Amino acid sequence: MTEPSEAACGIRYKLPVTFLWSSPMVSSVVSSHDMTFGFLTVCDTSSAGMFGGYLLVDISGRPLEFHCTAPLRVTRAQEILYGATLQRHLHGEQIGGPLLKATQLSPVAVLTDRESLLHSRSHGESPVVAIQEIHEGEQGDSDFHLGAFQLRPHEDDLPNINQLRDYFEELSSSIELAEPFERIRAAIDEAQHH
């Protein structure tokens, strides 16, 4: 009895991520001493699938680079085989990892609004931190708070928590921390319509 091939089952373990749009906006204005921050997210659409987006900005929030993936669709077989680990695998390995590797700049930190994207940490040099807004009256489950946000670094980045806090305090004095995620979603939405 022969084993069915991967293609015969309709299962692909290596989902290729192609880039729908990549826009380096790096100029001579950016120097090595300027602080760059990355914002990484995944957008789920019912019609097209899942898109990843990665925006790098300077300390004032000005865009320096933007990358997004082509849509990724999950098969029923993948849902069954990966089970509870599917989202972590897709977001961290198949979407986040390639996006982190695609950049020309090395940010001081990468913020994400999806905790599953913390699993992309091994694909880049920069610390990865999940950010979540805490609404009035809620208590966060992390000791790392900045204004209305709870920040949860990847476990590899916990020793650098004080340095990360300093970076994010400086960034949050220039921009609202969750705002770049809205820009990413709007850019992906715009790319789908063209």
Protein backbone atom coordinates (compact mmCIF):
# COMPACT_ATOMS: atom_id res chain seq x y z
CA MET A 1 0.00 0.00 0.00
CA THR A 2 1.40 3.33 -0.96
CA GLU A 3 0.95 6.49 1.00
CA PRO A 4 -1.06 9.22 -0.69
CA SER A 5 0.97 12.14 -1.89
CA GLU A 6 0.65 15.53 -0.29
CA ALA A 7 -1.03 16.93 -3.41
CA ALA A 8 -3.47 14.03 -3.64
CA CYS A 9 -4.75 14.88 -0.16
CA GLY A 10 -4.98 18.54 -1.03
CA ILE A 11 -2.69 19.39 1.87
CA ARG A 12 0.25 21.73 1.63
CA TYR A 13 2.49 22.11 4.62
CA LYS A 14 4.61 24.84 3.08
CA LEU A 15 2.22 27.56 2.05
CA PRO A 16 4.11 29.91 -0.24
CA VAL A 17 3.62 33.53 0.62
CA THR A 18 3.85 35.81 -2.34
CA PHE A 19 3.82 39.51 -1.92
CA LEU A 20 0.84 41.35 -3.30
CA TRP A 21 2.50 44.67 -2.78
CA SER A 22 5.83 45.75 -1.40
CA SER A 23 6.81 49.36 -1.13
CA PRO A 24 10.15 50.38 0.29
CA MET A 25 10.02 54.09 0.98
CA VAL A 26 13.49 54.27 2.47
CA SER A 27 15.33 57.45 1.71
CA SER A 28 18.60 59.04 2.66
CA VAL A 29 16.68 60.85 5.41
CA VAL A 30 16.65 57.61 7.44
CA SER A 31 19.94 57.11 9.22
CA SER A 32 21.20 54.34 11.44
CA HIS A 33 20.52 56.33 14.62
CA ASP A 34 16.85 56.93 13.76
CA MET A 35 14.41 54.68 15.55
CA THR A 36 12.26 52.52 13.31
CA PHE A 37 9.23 50.54 14.51
CA GLY A 38 7.40 47.73 12.78
CA PHE A 39 3.65 47.09 12.88
CA LEU A 40 2.60 43.57 11.87
CA THR A 41 -0.95 42.29 11.48
CA VAL A 42 -3.18 39.80 9.70
CA CYS A 43 -6.44 40.80 8.03
CA ASP A 44 -9.10 38.13 7.58
CA THR A 45 -11.61 38.56 4.79
CA SER A 46 -14.44 36.16 4.09
CA SER A 47 -14.20 36.56 0.33
CA ALA A 48 -10.47 36.67 -0.43
CA GLY A 49 -8.80 34.92 2.50
CA MET A 50 -6.12 36.03 4.91
CA PHE A 51 -3.62 38.84 4.20
CA GLY A 52 -0.55 39.79 6.18
CA GLY A 53 0.64 43.38 6.37
CA TYR A 54 3.83 44.91 7.75
CA LEU A 55 4.40 48.66 8.04
CA LEU A 56 7.66 50.20 9.22
CA VAL A 57 7.55 53.76 10.49
CA ASP A 58 9.97 56.25 11.98
CA ILE A 59 9.55 57.73 15.46
CA SER A 60 7.10 60.34 14.12
CA GLY A 61 4.91 57.68 12.44
CA ARG A 62 6.06 58.45 8.89
CA PRO A 63 5.97 55.30 6.71
CA LEU A 64 9.32 53.93 5.61
CA GLU A 65 8.40 50.51 4.21
CA PHE A 66 5.22 48.55 3.60
CA HIS A 67 4.78 44.90 2.63
CA CYS A 68 1.69 42.74 2.34
CA THR A 69 1.06 39.20 1.25
CA ALA A 70 -1.20 37.78 -1.39
CA PRO A 71 -4.31 36.17 0.08
CA LEU A 72 -3.89 32.85 1.82
CA ARG A 73 -6.77 30.39 2.00
CA VAL A 74 -6.94 27.55 4.47
CA THR A 75 -8.26 24.16 3.39
CA ARG A 76 -10.56 22.03 5.50
CA ALA A 77 -7.82 19.37 5.65
CA GLN A 78 -5.42 21.91 7.17
CA GLU A 79 -8.03 22.90 9.75
CA ILE A 80 -8.42 19.27 10.75
CA LEU A 81 -4.73 18.35 10.80
CA TYR A 82 -3.39 21.48 12.49
CA GLY A 83 -6.28 21.75 14.93
CA ALA A 84 -5.71 24.37 17.62
CA THR A 85 -2.20 25.12 16.28
CA LEU A 86 -3.40 26.28 12.84
CA GLN A 87 -3.67 30.01 13.55
CA ARG A 88 -0.31 30.10 15.33
CA HIS A 89 1.31 28.26 12.42
CA LEU A 90 -0.28 30.34 9.67
CA HIS A 91 0.21 33.70 11.36
CA GLY A 92 3.65 33.08 12.85
CA GLU A 93 5.33 30.88 10.27
CA GLN A 94 3.56 31.38 6.96
CA ILE A 95 2.67 35.07 7.11
CA GLY A 96 4.63 36.88 9.82
CA GLY A 97 7.97 35.16 9.21
CA PRO A 98 8.26 36.02 5.50
CA LEU A 99 7.08 39.59 6.13
CA LEU A 100 9.75 40.13 8.80
CA LYS A 101 12.40 38.80 6.42
CA ALA A 102 11.27 41.05 3.54
CA THR A 103 12.35 44.35 5.05
CA GLN A 104 15.38 46.47 4.33
CA LEU A 105 15.24 48.16 7.74
CA SER A 106 15.76 46.64 11.15
CA PRO A 107 13.23 48.08 13.60
CA VAL A 108 13.98 48.52 17.30
CA ALA A 109 10.76 46.58 17.92
CA VAL A 110 7.79 45.08 16.10
CA LEU A 111 4.29 45.60 17.48
CA THR A 112 1.43 43.30 16.57
CA ASP A 113 -2.26 43.34 17.39
CA ARG A 114 -2.46 39.55 17.03
CA GLU A 115 -0.93 37.43 19.76
CA SER A 116 -0.51 34.57 17.27
CA LEU A 117 2.04 36.73 15.42
CA LEU A 118 4.39 36.50 18.41
CA HIS A 119 5.34 33.16 16.86
CA SER A 120 7.07 35.02 14.02
CA ARG A 121 9.77 36.18 16.48
CA SER A 122 12.29 33.54 15.35
CA HIS A 123 12.26 34.99 11.82
CA GLY A 124 13.64 38.41 12.72
CA GLU A 125 16.22 40.14 14.86
CA SER A 126 13.85 42.62 16.48
CA PRO A 127 11.76 42.07 19.61
CA VAL A 128 8.09 41.30 18.89
CA VAL A 129 5.42 42.64 21.23
CA ALA A 130 1.67 42.03 21.17
CA ILE A 131 -0.39 45.11 21.94
CA GLN A 132 -3.95 45.09 23.23
CA GLU A 133 -6.15 48.02 24.15
CA ILE A 134 -7.52 47.89 27.68
CA HIS A 135 -10.94 49.47 27.98
CA GLU A 136 -11.92 51.49 31.02
CA GLY A 137 -12.65 49.26 34.01
CA GLU A 138 -10.75 46.27 32.59
CA GLN A 139 -7.64 44.86 34.21
CA GLY A 140 -4.94 43.55 31.92
CA ASP A 141 -3.13 40.30 32.64
CA SER A 142 0.31 41.77 31.99
CA ASP A 143 2.53 44.01 34.09
CA PHE A 144 3.62 45.94 31.00
CA HIS A 145 1.10 48.76 30.47
CA LEU A 146 1.47 51.94 28.52
CA GLY A 147 -1.49 54.29 28.70
CA ALA A 148 -4.58 52.40 27.56
CA PHE A 149 -2.52 49.53 26.19
CA GLN A 150 -1.24 46.29 27.57
CA LEU A 151 1.94 45.06 25.92
CA ARG A 152 3.03 41.44 25.97
CA PRO A 153 6.55 40.78 24.63
CA HIS A 154 7.56 37.44 23.18
CA GLU A 155 9.13 35.36 25.96
CA ASP A 156 12.59 35.77 24.37
CA ASP A 157 12.24 39.54 24.77
CA LEU A 158 11.17 39.61 28.43
CA PRO A 159 14.72 40.39 29.67
CA ASN A 160 14.61 43.61 27.62
CA ILE A 161 11.26 44.79 28.98
CA ASN A 162 12.59 48.04 30.48
CA GLN A 163 14.35 49.04 27.29
CA LEU A 164 11.22 48.18 25.29
CA ARG A 165 9.12 50.30 27.64
CA ASP A 166 11.42 53.28 26.97
CA TYR A 167 11.13 52.81 23.20
CA PHE A 168 7.34 52.56 23.30
CA GLU A 169 6.97 55.55 25.61
CA GLU A 170 8.92 57.62 23.11
CA LEU A 171 6.86 56.27 20.19
CA SER A 172 3.56 56.83 22.00
CA SER A 173 4.47 60.46 22.57
CA SER A 174 4.37 60.87 18.75
CA ILE A 175 1.57 58.56 17.60
CA GLU A 176 -1.32 56.54 19.00
CA LEU A 177 0.06 52.99 19.24
CA ALA A 178 -2.85 51.21 17.54
CA GLU A 179 -3.25 53.69 14.66
CA PRO A 180 -0.70 52.13 12.23
CA PHE A 181 -2.73 48.89 12.22
CA GLU A 182 -5.63 50.86 10.74
CA ARG A 183 -3.32 52.14 8.00
CA ILE A 184 -2.26 48.57 7.19
CA ARG A 185 -5.86 47.37 6.96
CA ALA A 186 -6.80 50.34 4.75
CA ALA A 187 -3.79 49.75 2.45
CA ILE A 188 -4.64 46.04 2.10
CA ASP A 189 -8.26 46.90 1.39
CA GLU A 190 -7.14 49.40 -1.25
CA ALA A 191 -4.77 46.86 -2.84
CA GLN A 192 -7.64 44.35 -3.16
CA HIS A 193 -9.69 46.84 -5.18
CA HIS A 194 -6.92 47.52 -7.72
